[in-house]
Amino acid sequence: MNNEPYINAAGHLVLEYLSPNTIVLDLHFIMTTGKRLTVGMPYLKLANKNIGEDIAAIRLLGFQDYEGVIYLNVQEIKSNRCYNLIWNMEIDDDWWLWSLSDFETLTGNIT
């Protein structure tokens, strides 16, 4: 993890560090206010499965980037299960495996 902005091969600024606890992850499936993700904050995760979707309330525990891949360490609030959500930031396409939303975006209460 180098805490440097990440610009992919298509010239898209994908990752920007705002502070040690907050990043901007500019991917179409990050549906949070300003595309910001902050450690300790709750989010709603929607994951594509082979059959249907999986929805879970999660809390962001941490993040790191390494060689063009972002790792989001999350904990499911209901089960306390911890795992990483991973994405190759070089992929500049419309498909997705998982998505994150915050309460403000879901309810339309963006200020």
PDB file of N, CA and C in Angstrom:
ATOM      1  N   MET A   1       0.853  -1.178   0.000  1.00  0.00           N
ATOM      2  CA  MET A   1       0.000   0.000   0.000  1.00  0.00           C
ATOM      3  C   MET A   1       0.895   1.236   0.000  1.00  0.00           C
ATOM      4  N   ASN A   2       0.682   2.090  -1.002  1.00  0.00           N
ATOM      5  CA  ASN A   2       1.544   3.263  -1.084  1.00  0.00           C
ATOM      6  C   ASN A   2       0.797   4.579  -0.884  1.00  0.00           C
ATOM      7  N   ASN A   3      -0.490   4.530  -0.680  1.00  0.00           N
ATOM      8  CA  ASN A   3      -1.326   5.713  -0.440  1.00  0.00           C
ATOM      9  C   ASN A   3      -1.219   6.754  -1.546  1.00  0.00           C
ATOM     10  N   GLU A   4      -0.883   6.304  -2.750  1.00  0.00           N
ATOM     11  CA  GLU A   4      -0.806   7.179  -3.907  1.00  0.00           C
ATOM     12  C   GLU A   4      -2.070   7.005  -4.747  1.00  0.00           C
ATOM     13  N   PRO A   5      -2.483   8.052  -5.460  1.00  0.00           N
ATOM     14  CA  PRO A   5      -3.621   7.895  -6.372  1.00  0.00           C
ATOM     15  C   PRO A   5      -3.312   6.821  -7.406  1.00  0.00           C
ATOM     16  N   TYR A   6      -4.365   6.147  -7.894  1.00  0.00           N
ATOM     17  CA  TYR A   6      -4.181   5.121  -8.918  1.00  0.00           C
ATOM     18  C   TYR A   6      -4.945   5.522 -10.166  1.00  0.00           C
ATOM     19  N   ILE A   7      -4.217   5.650 -11.267  1.00  0.00           N
ATOM     20  CA  ILE A   7      -4.805   5.935 -12.569  1.00  0.00           C
ATOM     21  C   ILE A   7      -4.601   4.694 -13.418  1.00  0.00           C
ATOM     22  N   ASN A   8      -5.701   4.122 -13.947  1.00  0.00           N
ATOM     23  CA  ASN A   8      -5.571   2.887 -14.720  1.00  0.00           C
ATOM     24  C   ASN A   8      -5.087   3.170 -16.144  1.00  0.00           C
ATOM     25  N   ALA A   9      -4.884   2.126 -16.917  1.00  0.00           N
ATOM     26  CA  ALA A   9      -4.340   2.245 -18.272  1.00  0.00           C
ATOM     27  C   ALA A   9      -5.249   3.058 -19.189  1.00  0.00           C
ATOM     28  N   ALA A  10      -6.550   3.124 -18.886  1.00  0.00           N
ATOM     29  CA  ALA A  10      -7.488   3.915 -19.678  1.00  0.00           C
ATOM     30  C   ALA A  10      -7.426   5.403 -19.319  1.00  0.00           C
ATOM     31  N   GLY A  11      -6.591   5.768 -18.328  1.00  0.00           N
ATOM     32  CA  GLY A  11      -6.459   7.159 -17.913  1.00  0.00           C
ATOM     33  C   GLY A  11      -7.486   7.608 -16.901  1.00  0.00           C
ATOM     34  N   HIS A  12      -8.194   6.666 -16.282  1.00  0.00           N
ATOM     35  CA  HIS A  12      -9.259   6.947 -15.319  1.00  0.00           C
ATOM     36  C   HIS A  12      -8.662   6.963 -13.903  1.00  0.00           C
ATOM     37  N   LEU A  13      -8.826   8.076 -13.182  1.00  0.00           N
ATOM     38  CA  LEU A  13      -8.409   8.141 -11.779  1.00  0.00           C
ATOM     39  C   LEU A  13      -9.372   7.296 -10.972  1.00  0.00           C
ATOM     40  N   VAL A  14      -8.939   6.121 -10.547  1.00  0.00           N
ATOM     41  CA  VAL A  14      -9.810   5.161  -9.876  1.00  0.00           C
ATOM     42  C   VAL A  14      -9.755   5.325  -8.368  1.00  0.00           C
ATOM     43  N   LEU A  15      -8.570   5.553  -7.820  1.00  0.00           N
ATOM     44  CA  LEU A  15      -8.378   5.556  -6.367  1.00  0.00           C
ATOM     45  C   LEU A  15      -7.658   6.812  -5.933  1.00  0.00           C
ATOM     46  N   GLU A  16      -8.215   7.445  -4.901  1.00  0.00           N
ATOM     47  CA  GLU A  16      -7.576   8.617  -4.317  1.00  0.00           C
ATOM     48  C   GLU A  16      -7.696   8.521  -2.802  1.00  0.00           C
ATOM     49  N   TYR A  17      -6.600   8.745  -2.103  1.00  0.00           N
ATOM     50  CA  TYR A  17      -6.587   8.734  -0.644  1.00  0.00           C
ATOM     51  C   TYR A  17      -6.872  10.134  -0.127  1.00  0.00           C
ATOM     52  N   LEU A  18      -7.945  10.288   0.652  1.00  0.00           N
ATOM     53  CA  LEU A  18      -8.272  11.579   1.256  1.00  0.00           C
ATOM     54  C   LEU A  18      -7.637  11.720   2.635  1.00  0.00           C
ATOM     55  N   SER A  19      -7.519  10.598   3.338  1.00  0.00           N
ATOM     56  CA  SER A  19      -6.908  10.559   4.673  1.00  0.00           C
ATOM     57  C   SER A  19      -6.511   9.106   4.924  1.00  0.00           C
ATOM     58  N   PRO A  20      -5.868   8.814   6.053  1.00  0.00           N
ATOM     59  CA  PRO A  20      -5.550   7.411   6.339  1.00  0.00           C
ATOM     60  C   PRO A  20      -6.784   6.518   6.481  1.00  0.00           C
ATOM     61  N   ASN A  21      -7.968   7.126   6.714  1.00  0.00           N
ATOM     62  CA  ASN A  21      -9.194   6.352   6.923  1.00  0.00           C
ATOM     63  C   ASN A  21     -10.230   6.493   5.822  1.00  0.00           C
ATOM     64  N   THR A  22      -9.991   7.344   4.828  1.00  0.00           N
ATOM     65  CA  THR A  22     -10.995   7.606   3.794  1.00  0.00           C
ATOM     66  C   THR A  22     -10.358   7.604   2.410  1.00  0.00           C
ATOM     67  N   ILE A  23     -11.031   6.902   1.484  1.00  0.00           N
ATOM     68  CA  ILE A  23     -10.611   6.892   0.093  1.00  0.00           C
ATOM     69  C   ILE A  23     -11.787   7.270  -0.793  1.00  0.00           C
ATOM     70  N   VAL A  24     -11.482   7.697  -1.994  1.00  0.00           N
ATOM     71  CA  VAL A  24     -12.471   7.843  -3.053  1.00  0.00           C
ATOM     72  C   VAL A  24     -12.170   6.720  -4.028  1.00  0.00           C
ATOM     73  N   LEU A  25     -13.149   5.849  -4.254  1.00  0.00           N
ATOM     74  CA  LEU A  25     -13.004   4.724  -5.170  1.00  0.00           C
ATOM     75  C   LEU A  25     -14.002   4.940  -6.305  1.00  0.00           C
ATOM     76  N   ASP A  26     -13.532   5.503  -7.413  1.00  0.00           N
ATOM     77  CA  ASP A  26     -14.397   5.914  -8.511  1.00  0.00           C
ATOM     78  C   ASP A  26     -14.664   4.746  -9.455  1.00  0.00           C
ATOM     79  N   LEU A  27     -15.546   3.869  -9.017  1.00  0.00           N
ATOM     80  CA  LEU A  27     -16.020   2.738  -9.812  1.00  0.00           C
ATOM     81  C   LEU A  27     -17.542   2.846  -9.874  1.00  0.00           C
ATOM     82  N   HIS A  28     -18.147   2.428 -10.992  1.00  0.00           N
ATOM     83  CA  HIS A  28     -19.586   2.627 -11.184  1.00  0.00           C
ATOM     84  C   HIS A  28     -20.442   1.883 -10.159  1.00  0.00           C
ATOM     85  N   PHE A  29     -19.925   0.879  -9.511  1.00  0.00           N
ATOM     86  CA  PHE A  29     -20.708   0.112  -8.540  1.00  0.00           C
ATOM     87  C   PHE A  29     -20.453   0.543  -7.095  1.00  0.00           C
ATOM     88  N   ILE A  30     -19.696   1.609  -6.907  1.00  0.00           N
ATOM     89  CA  ILE A  30     -19.555   2.225  -5.580  1.00  0.00           C
ATOM     90  C   ILE A  30     -20.567   3.358  -5.540  1.00  0.00           C
ATOM     91  N   MET A  31     -21.665   3.123  -4.833  1.00  0.00           N
ATOM     92  CA  MET A  31     -22.767   4.082  -4.810  1.00  0.00           C
ATOM     93  C   MET A  31     -22.850   4.727  -3.438  1.00  0.00           C
ATOM     94  N   THR A  32     -21.825   5.534  -3.155  1.00  0.00           N
ATOM     95  CA  THR A  32     -21.773   6.265  -1.898  1.00  0.00           C
ATOM     96  C   THR A  32     -21.635   7.744  -2.217  1.00  0.00           C
ATOM     97  N   THR A  33     -21.906   8.588  -1.250  1.00  0.00           N
ATOM     98  CA  THR A  33     -21.789  10.025  -1.438  1.00  0.00           C
ATOM     99  C   THR A  33     -20.359  10.363  -1.826  1.00  0.00           C
ATOM    100  N   GLY A  34     -20.181  10.930  -3.002  1.00  0.00           N
ATOM    101  CA  GLY A  34     -18.859  11.308  -3.477  1.00  0.00           C
ATOM    102  C   GLY A  34     -17.932  10.140  -3.741  1.00  0.00           C
ATOM    103  N   LYS A  35     -18.480   8.922  -3.825  1.00  0.00           N
ATOM    104  CA  LYS A  35     -17.691   7.692  -4.020  1.00  0.00           C
ATOM    105  C   LYS A  35     -16.701   7.463  -2.874  1.00  0.00           C
ATOM    106  N   ARG A  36     -16.968   8.085  -1.715  1.00  0.00           N
ATOM    107  CA  ARG A  36     -16.086   7.958  -0.550  1.00  0.00           C
ATOM    108  C   ARG A  36     -16.391   6.692   0.241  1.00  0.00           C
ATOM    109  N   LEU A  37     -15.332   6.064   0.738  1.00  0.00           N
ATOM    110  CA  LEU A  37     -15.433   4.927   1.656  1.00  0.00           C
ATOM    111  C   LEU A  37     -14.568   5.254   2.870  1.00  0.00           C
ATOM    112  N   THR A  38     -15.145   5.103   4.063  1.00  0.00           N
ATOM    113  CA  THR A  38     -14.458   5.460   5.300  1.00  0.00           C
ATOM    114  C   THR A  38     -14.449   4.285   6.254  1.00  0.00           C
ATOM    115  N   VAL A  39     -13.285   4.029   6.828  1.00  0.00           N
ATOM    116  CA  VAL A  39     -13.133   2.951   7.805  1.00  0.00           C
ATOM    117  C   VAL A  39     -14.093   3.181   8.969  1.00  0.00           C
ATOM    118  N   GLY A  40     -14.770   2.116   9.388  1.00  0.00           N
ATOM    119  CA  GLY A  40     -15.692   2.159  10.515  1.00  0.00           C
ATOM    120  C   GLY A  40     -17.126   2.463  10.139  1.00  0.00           C
ATOM    121  N   MET A  41     -17.348   2.894   8.902  1.00  0.00           N
ATOM    122  CA  MET A  41     -18.705   3.257   8.484  1.00  0.00           C
ATOM    123  C   MET A  41     -19.452   2.043   7.949  1.00  0.00           C
ATOM    124  N   PRO A  42     -20.784   2.029   8.128  1.00  0.00           N
ATOM    125  CA  PRO A  42     -21.593   0.920   7.594  1.00  0.00           C
ATOM    126  C   PRO A  42     -21.980   1.170   6.140  1.00  0.00           C
ATOM    127  N   TYR A  43     -22.101   0.085   5.395  1.00  0.00           N
ATOM    128  CA  TYR A  43     -22.529   0.124   3.997  1.00  0.00           C
ATOM    129  C   TYR A  43     -23.413  -1.078   3.729  1.00  0.00           C
ATOM    130  N   LEU A  44     -24.176  -1.007   2.649  1.00  0.00           N
ATOM    131  CA  LEU A  44     -24.959  -2.149   2.200  1.00  0.00           C
ATOM    132  C   LEU A  44     -24.220  -2.769   1.024  1.00  0.00           C
ATOM    133  N   LYS A  45     -23.936  -4.072   1.129  1.00  0.00           N
ATOM    134  CA  LYS A  45     -23.226  -4.784   0.068  1.00  0.00           C
ATOM    135  C   LYS A  45     -24.220  -5.645  -0.695  1.00  0.00           C
ATOM    136  N   LEU A  46     -24.163  -5.544  -2.013  1.00  0.00           N
ATOM    137  CA  LEU A  46     -24.927  -6.405  -2.899  1.00  0.00           C
ATOM    138  C   LEU A  46     -23.911  -7.184  -3.722  1.00  0.00           C
ATOM    139  N   ALA A  47     -23.983  -8.503  -3.665  1.00  0.00           N
ATOM    140  CA  ALA A  47     -23.037  -9.347  -4.399  1.00  0.00           C
ATOM    141  C   ALA A  47     -23.782 -10.192  -5.411  1.00  0.00           C
ATOM    142  N   ASN A  48     -23.261 -10.230  -6.632  1.00  0.00           N
ATOM    143  CA  ASN A  48     -23.803 -11.119  -7.664  1.00  0.00           C
ATOM    144  C   ASN A  48     -23.384 -12.543  -7.351  1.00  0.00           C
ATOM    145  N   LYS A  49     -24.314 -13.444  -7.361  1.00  0.00           N
ATOM    146  CA  LYS A  49     -24.040 -14.868  -7.172  1.00  0.00           C
ATOM    147  C   LYS A  49     -24.421 -15.601  -8.449  1.00  0.00           C
ATOM    148  N   ASN A  50     -24.064 -16.866  -8.547  1.00  0.00           N
ATOM    149  CA  ASN A  50     -24.461 -17.648  -9.722  1.00  0.00           C
ATOM    150  C   ASN A  50     -25.969 -17.671  -9.883  1.00  0.00           C
ATOM    151  N   ILE A  51     -26.661 -17.739  -8.755  1.00  0.00           N
ATOM    152  CA  ILE A  51     -28.122 -17.711  -8.763  1.00  0.00           C
ATOM    153  C   ILE A  51     -28.558 -16.620  -7.796  1.00  0.00           C
ATOM    154  N   GLY A  52     -28.996 -15.477  -8.318  1.00  0.00           N
ATOM    155  CA  GLY A  52     -29.505 -14.403  -7.479  1.00  0.00           C
ATOM    156  C   GLY A  52     -28.414 -13.512  -6.914  1.00  0.00           C
ATOM    157  N   GLU A  53     -28.786 -12.767  -5.874  1.00  0.00           N
ATOM    158  CA  GLU A  53     -27.878 -11.833  -5.221  1.00  0.00           C
ATOM    159  C   GLU A  53     -27.838 -12.093  -3.723  1.00  0.00           C
ATOM    160  N   ASP A  54     -26.773 -11.605  -3.103  1.00  0.00           N
ATOM    161  CA  ASP A  54     -26.605 -11.679  -1.660  1.00  0.00           C
ATOM    162  C   ASP A  54     -26.522 -10.248  -1.145  1.00  0.00           C
ATOM    163  N   ILE A  55     -27.359  -9.903  -0.180  1.00  0.00           N
ATOM    164  CA  ILE A  55     -27.374  -8.561   0.387  1.00  0.00           C
ATOM    165  C   ILE A  55     -26.974  -8.657   1.852  1.00  0.00           C
ATOM    166  N   ALA A  56     -26.069  -7.778   2.278  1.00  0.00           N
ATOM    167  CA  ALA A  56     -25.618  -7.792   3.670  1.00  0.00           C
ATOM    168  C   ALA A  56     -25.226  -6.388   4.111  1.00  0.00           C
ATOM    169  N   ALA A  57     -25.512  -6.075   5.365  1.00  0.00           N
ATOM    170  CA  ALA A  57     -25.007  -4.852   5.981  1.00  0.00           C
ATOM    171  C   ALA A  57     -23.581  -5.141   6.422  1.00  0.00           C
ATOM    172  N   ILE A  58     -22.653  -4.279   6.016  1.00  0.00           N
ATOM    173  CA  ILE A  58     -21.242  -4.500   6.361  1.00  0.00           C
ATOM    174  C   ILE A  58     -20.646  -3.230   6.954  1.00  0.00           C
ATOM    175  N   ARG A  59     -19.509  -3.401   7.594  1.00  0.00           N
ATOM    176  CA  ARG A  59     -18.723  -2.273   8.099  1.00  0.00           C
ATOM    177  C   ARG A  59     -17.341  -2.378   7.474  1.00  0.00           C
ATOM    178  N   LEU A  60     -16.816  -1.257   6.987  1.00  0.00           N
ATOM    179  CA  LEU A  60     -15.479  -1.238   6.402  1.00  0.00           C
ATOM    180  C   LEU A  60     -14.446  -1.224   7.516  1.00  0.00           C
ATOM    181  N   LEU A  61     -13.587  -2.241   7.540  1.00  0.00           N
ATOM    182  CA  LEU A  61     -12.542  -2.351   8.563  1.00  0.00           C
ATOM    183  C   LEU A  61     -11.209  -1.770   8.101  1.00  0.00           C
ATOM    184  N   GLY A  62     -10.985  -1.784   6.810  1.00  0.00           N
ATOM    185  CA  GLY A  62      -9.724  -1.272   6.277  1.00  0.00           C
ATOM    186  C   GLY A  62      -9.667  -1.434   4.776  1.00  0.00           C
ATOM    187  N   PHE A  63      -8.603  -0.915   4.181  1.00  0.00           N
ATOM    188  CA  PHE A  63      -8.418  -1.025   2.738  1.00  0.00           C
ATOM    189  C   PHE A  63      -6.930  -0.962   2.420  1.00  0.00           C
ATOM    190  N   GLN A  64      -6.589  -1.521   1.276  1.00  0.00           N
ATOM    191  CA  GLN A  64      -5.236  -1.385   0.767  1.00  0.00           C
ATOM    192  C   GLN A  64      -5.248  -1.640  -0.725  1.00  0.00           C
ATOM    193  N   ASP A  65      -4.280  -1.049  -1.406  1.00  0.00           N
ATOM    194  CA  ASP A  65      -4.132  -1.315  -2.831  1.00  0.00           C
ATOM    195  C   ASP A  65      -2.744  -1.897  -3.049  1.00  0.00           C
ATOM    196  N   TYR A  66      -2.684  -2.816  -4.004  1.00  0.00           N
ATOM    197  CA  TYR A  66      -1.412  -3.457  -4.319  1.00  0.00           C
ATOM    198  C   TYR A  66      -1.423  -3.859  -5.791  1.00  0.00           C
ATOM    199  N   GLU A  67      -0.494  -3.303  -6.548  1.00  0.00           N
ATOM    200  CA  GLU A  67      -0.323  -3.631  -7.965  1.00  0.00           C
ATOM    201  C   GLU A  67      -1.632  -3.570  -8.753  1.00  0.00           C
ATOM    202  N   GLY A  68      -2.379  -2.485  -8.557  1.00  0.00           N
ATOM    203  CA  GLY A  68      -3.591  -2.265  -9.334  1.00  0.00           C
ATOM    204  C   GLY A  68      -4.830  -2.963  -8.823  1.00  0.00           C
ATOM    205  N   VAL A  69      -4.740  -3.580  -7.662  1.00  0.00           N
ATOM    206  CA  VAL A  69      -5.887  -4.274  -7.074  1.00  0.00           C
ATOM    207  C   VAL A  69      -6.230  -3.593  -5.751  1.00  0.00           C
ATOM    208  N   ILE A  70      -7.519  -3.320  -5.535  1.00  0.00           N
ATOM    209  CA  ILE A  70      -7.981  -2.752  -4.266  1.00  0.00           C
ATOM    210  C   ILE A  70      -8.569  -3.873  -3.424  1.00  0.00           C
ATOM    211  N   TYR A  71      -8.211  -3.884  -2.160  1.00  0.00           N
ATOM    212  CA  TYR A  71      -8.716  -4.857  -1.185  1.00  0.00           C
ATOM    213  C   TYR A  71      -9.470  -4.074  -0.119  1.00  0.00           C
ATOM    214  N   LEU A  72     -10.754  -4.366   0.034  1.00  0.00           N
ATOM    215  CA  LEU A  72     -11.572  -3.753   1.082  1.00  0.00           C
ATOM    216  C   LEU A  72     -11.849  -4.821   2.130  1.00  0.00           C
ATOM    217  N   ASN A  73     -11.330  -4.628   3.323  1.00  0.00           N
ATOM    218  CA  ASN A  73     -11.565  -5.571   4.412  1.00  0.00           C
ATOM    219  C   ASN A  73     -12.855  -5.162   5.098  1.00  0.00           C
ATOM    220  N   VAL A  74     -13.854  -6.064   5.086  1.00  0.00           N
ATOM    221  CA  VAL A  74     -15.174  -5.746   5.619  1.00  0.00           C
ATOM    222  C   VAL A  74     -15.611  -6.785   6.644  1.00  0.00           C
ATOM    223  N   GLN A  75     -16.589  -6.401   7.451  1.00  0.00           N
ATOM    224  CA  GLN A  75     -17.189  -7.304   8.436  1.00  0.00           C
ATOM    225  C   GLN A  75     -18.700  -7.216   8.298  1.00  0.00           C
ATOM    226  N   GLU A  76     -19.352  -8.367   8.133  1.00  0.00           N
ATOM    227  CA  GLU A  76     -20.808  -8.382   8.106  1.00  0.00           C
ATOM    228  C   GLU A  76     -21.321  -8.069   9.502  1.00  0.00           C
ATOM    229  N   ILE A  77     -22.216  -7.128   9.598  1.00  0.00           N
ATOM    230  CA  ILE A  77     -22.699  -6.663  10.901  1.00  0.00           C
ATOM    231  C   ILE A  77     -23.495  -7.747  11.619  1.00  0.00           C
ATOM    232  N   LYS A  78     -24.329  -8.488  10.897  1.00  0.00           N
ATOM    233  CA  LYS A  78     -25.172  -9.505  11.530  1.00  0.00           C
ATOM    234  C   LYS A  78     -24.362 -10.704  12.033  1.00  0.00           C
ATOM    235  N   SER A  79     -23.441 -11.196  11.219  1.00  0.00           N
ATOM    236  CA  SER A  79     -22.724 -12.432  11.564  1.00  0.00           C
ATOM    237  C   SER A  79     -21.319 -12.213  12.119  1.00  0.00           C
ATOM    238  N   ASN A  80     -20.798 -10.995  12.020  1.00  0.00           N
ATOM    239  CA  ASN A  80     -19.417 -10.660  12.396  1.00  0.00           C
ATOM    240  C   ASN A  80     -18.373 -11.339  11.516  1.00  0.00           C
ATOM    241  N   ARG A  81     -18.786 -11.962  10.418  1.00  0.00           N
ATOM    242  CA  ARG A  81     -17.870 -12.606   9.473  1.00  0.00           C
ATOM    243  C   ARG A  81     -17.035 -11.548   8.760  1.00  0.00           C
ATOM    244  N   CYS A  82     -15.719 -11.754   8.694  1.00  0.00           N
ATOM    245  CA  CYS A  82     -14.807 -10.815   8.039  1.00  0.00           C
ATOM    246  C   CYS A  82     -14.250 -11.426   6.761  1.00  0.00           C
ATOM    247  N   TYR A  83     -14.081 -10.593   5.737  1.00  0.00           N
ATOM    248  CA  TYR A  83     -13.519 -11.037   4.472  1.00  0.00           C
ATOM    249  C   TYR A  83     -13.118  -9.811   3.655  1.00  0.00           C
ATOM    250  N   ASN A  84     -12.475 -10.048   2.518  1.00  0.00           N
ATOM    251  CA  ASN A  84     -12.059  -8.977   1.621  1.00  0.00           C
ATOM    252  C   ASN A  84     -12.934  -8.941   0.381  1.00  0.00           C
ATOM    253  N   LEU A  85     -13.304  -7.742  -0.024  1.00  0.00           N
ATOM    254  CA  LEU A  85     -13.882  -7.496  -1.341  1.00  0.00           C
ATOM    255  C   LEU A  85     -12.722  -7.022  -2.202  1.00  0.00           C
ATOM    256  N   ILE A  86     -12.534  -7.643  -3.358  1.00  0.00           N
ATOM    257  CA  ILE A  86     -11.352  -7.392  -4.182  1.00  0.00           C
ATOM    258  C   ILE A  86     -11.793  -6.949  -5.570  1.00  0.00           C
ATOM    259  N   TRP A  87     -11.064  -5.974  -6.146  1.00  0.00           N
ATOM    260  CA  TRP A  87     -11.351  -5.542  -7.509  1.00  0.00           C
ATOM    261  C   TRP A  87     -10.069  -5.096  -8.200  1.00  0.00           C
ATOM    262  N   ASN A  88      -9.893  -5.551  -9.437  1.00  0.00           N
ATOM    263  CA  ASN A  88      -8.781  -5.125 -10.276  1.00  0.00           C
ATOM    264  C   ASN A  88      -9.139  -3.760 -10.863  1.00  0.00           C
ATOM    265  N   MET A  89      -8.408  -2.724 -10.494  1.00  0.00           N
ATOM    266  CA  MET A  89      -8.745  -1.366 -10.904  1.00  0.00           C
ATOM    267  C   MET A  89      -8.440  -1.095 -12.379  1.00  0.00           C
ATOM    268  N   GLU A  90      -7.808  -2.038 -13.064  1.00  0.00           N
ATOM    269  CA  GLU A  90      -7.580  -1.906 -14.505  1.00  0.00           C
ATOM    270  C   GLU A  90      -8.844  -2.226 -15.307  1.00  0.00           C
ATOM    271  N   ILE A  91      -9.800  -2.900 -14.701  1.00  0.00           N
ATOM    272  CA  ILE A  91     -11.054  -3.222 -15.393  1.00  0.00           C
ATOM    273  C   ILE A  91     -11.881  -1.950 -15.491  1.00  0.00           C
ATOM    274  N   ASP A  92     -12.123  -1.523 -16.712  1.00  0.00           N
ATOM    275  CA  ASP A  92     -12.864  -0.293 -16.969  1.00  0.00           C
ATOM    276  C   ASP A  92     -14.083  -0.655 -17.822  1.00  0.00           C
ATOM    277  N   ASP A  93     -15.007  -1.407 -17.204  1.00  0.00           N
ATOM    278  CA  ASP A  93     -16.140  -1.965 -17.918  1.00  0.00           C
ATOM    279  C   ASP A  93     -17.392  -1.824 -17.060  1.00  0.00           C
ATOM    280  N   ASP A  94     -18.543  -2.217 -17.588  1.00  0.00           N
ATOM    281  CA  ASP A  94     -19.811  -2.069 -16.879  1.00  0.00           C
ATOM    282  C   ASP A  94     -20.175  -3.236 -15.968  1.00  0.00           C
ATOM    283  N   TRP A  95     -19.459  -4.351 -16.016  1.00  0.00           N
ATOM    284  CA  TRP A  95     -19.854  -5.489 -15.191  1.00  0.00           C
ATOM    285  C   TRP A  95     -19.297  -5.341 -13.780  1.00  0.00           C
ATOM    286  N   TRP A  96     -19.897  -6.077 -12.846  1.00  0.00           N
ATOM    287  CA  TRP A  96     -19.498  -5.990 -11.448  1.00  0.00           C
ATOM    288  C   TRP A  96     -19.807  -7.303 -10.746  1.00  0.00           C
ATOM    289  N   LEU A  97     -19.084  -7.564  -9.673  1.00  0.00           N
ATOM    290  CA  LEU A  97     -19.307  -8.746  -8.841  1.00  0.00           C
ATOM    291  C   LEU A  97     -19.970  -8.374  -7.524  1.00  0.00           C
ATOM    292  N   TRP A  98     -19.721  -7.152  -7.069  1.00  0.00           N
ATOM    293  CA  TRP A  98     -20.293  -6.659  -5.824  1.00  0.00           C
ATOM    294  C   TRP A  98     -20.469  -5.150  -5.945  1.00  0.00           C
ATOM    295  N   SER A  99     -21.296  -4.606  -5.055  1.00  0.00           N
ATOM    296  CA  SER A  99     -21.573  -3.178  -5.046  1.00  0.00           C
ATOM    297  C   SER A  99     -21.717  -2.722  -3.598  1.00  0.00           C
ATOM    298  N   LEU A 100     -21.335  -1.477  -3.324  1.00  0.00           N
ATOM    299  CA  LEU A 100     -21.507  -0.897  -1.998  1.00  0.00           C
ATOM    300  C   LEU A 100     -22.315   0.387  -2.093  1.00  0.00           C
ATOM    301  N   SER A 101     -23.227   0.572  -1.150  1.00  0.00           N
ATOM    302  CA  SER A 101     -24.039   1.786  -1.070  1.00  0.00           C
ATOM    303  C   SER A 101     -24.051   2.280   0.362  1.00  0.00           C
ATOM    304  N   ASP A 102     -24.217   3.597   0.518  1.00  0.00           N
ATOM    305  CA  ASP A 102     -24.409   4.143   1.859  1.00  0.00           C
ATOM    306  C   ASP A 102     -25.879   4.518   2.037  1.00  0.00           C
ATOM    307  N   PHE A 103     -26.272   4.798   3.264  1.00  0.00           N
ATOM    308  CA  PHE A 103     -27.662   5.078   3.589  1.00  0.00           C
ATOM    309  C   PHE A 103     -28.171   6.312   2.846  1.00  0.00           C
ATOM    310  N   GLU A 104     -27.349   7.357   2.783  1.00  0.00           N
ATOM    311  CA  GLU A 104     -27.764   8.595   2.138  1.00  0.00           C
ATOM    312  C   GLU A 104     -28.086   8.377   0.654  1.00  0.00           C
ATOM    313  N   THR A 105     -27.265   7.603  -0.025  1.00  0.00           N
ATOM    314  CA  THR A 105     -27.497   7.346  -1.443  1.00  0.00           C
ATOM    315  C   THR A 105     -28.738   6.487  -1.651  1.00  0.00           C
ATOM    316  N   LEU A 106     -28.907   5.481  -0.808  1.00  0.00           N
ATOM    317  CA  LEU A 106     -30.074   4.588  -0.943  1.00  0.00           C
ATOM    318  C   LEU A 106     -31.393   5.314  -0.713  1.00  0.00           C
ATOM    319  N   THR A 107     -31.391   6.278   0.206  1.00  0.00           N
ATOM    320  CA  THR A 107     -32.627   6.978   0.549  1.00  0.00           C
ATOM    321  C   THR A 107     -32.796   8.288  -0.207  1.00  0.00           C
ATOM    322  N   GLY A 108     -31.792   8.682  -0.973  1.00  0.00           N
ATOM    323  CA  GLY A 108     -31.878   9.930  -1.712  1.00  0.00           C
ATOM    324  C   GLY A 108     -31.678  11.168  -0.861  1.00  0.00           C
ATOM    325  N   ASN A 109     -31.142  11.002   0.359  1.00  0.00           N
ATOM    326  CA  ASN A 109     -30.919  12.143   1.272  1.00  0.00           C
ATOM    327  C   ASN A 109     -29.500  12.663   1.164  1.00  0.00           C
ATOM    328  N   ILE A 110     -29.058  12.934  -0.048  1.00  0.00           N
ATOM    329  CA  ILE A 110     -27.702  13.435  -0.265  1.00  0.00           C
ATOM    330  C   ILE A 110     -27.725  14.948  -0.088  1.00  0.00           C
ATOM    331  N   THR A 111     -26.826  15.449   0.755  1.00  0.00           N
ATOM    332  CA  THR A 111     -26.758  16.897   0.977  1.00  0.00           C
ATOM    333  C   THR A 111     -25.524  17.486   0.395  1.00  0.00           C
TER     334      THR A 111
END
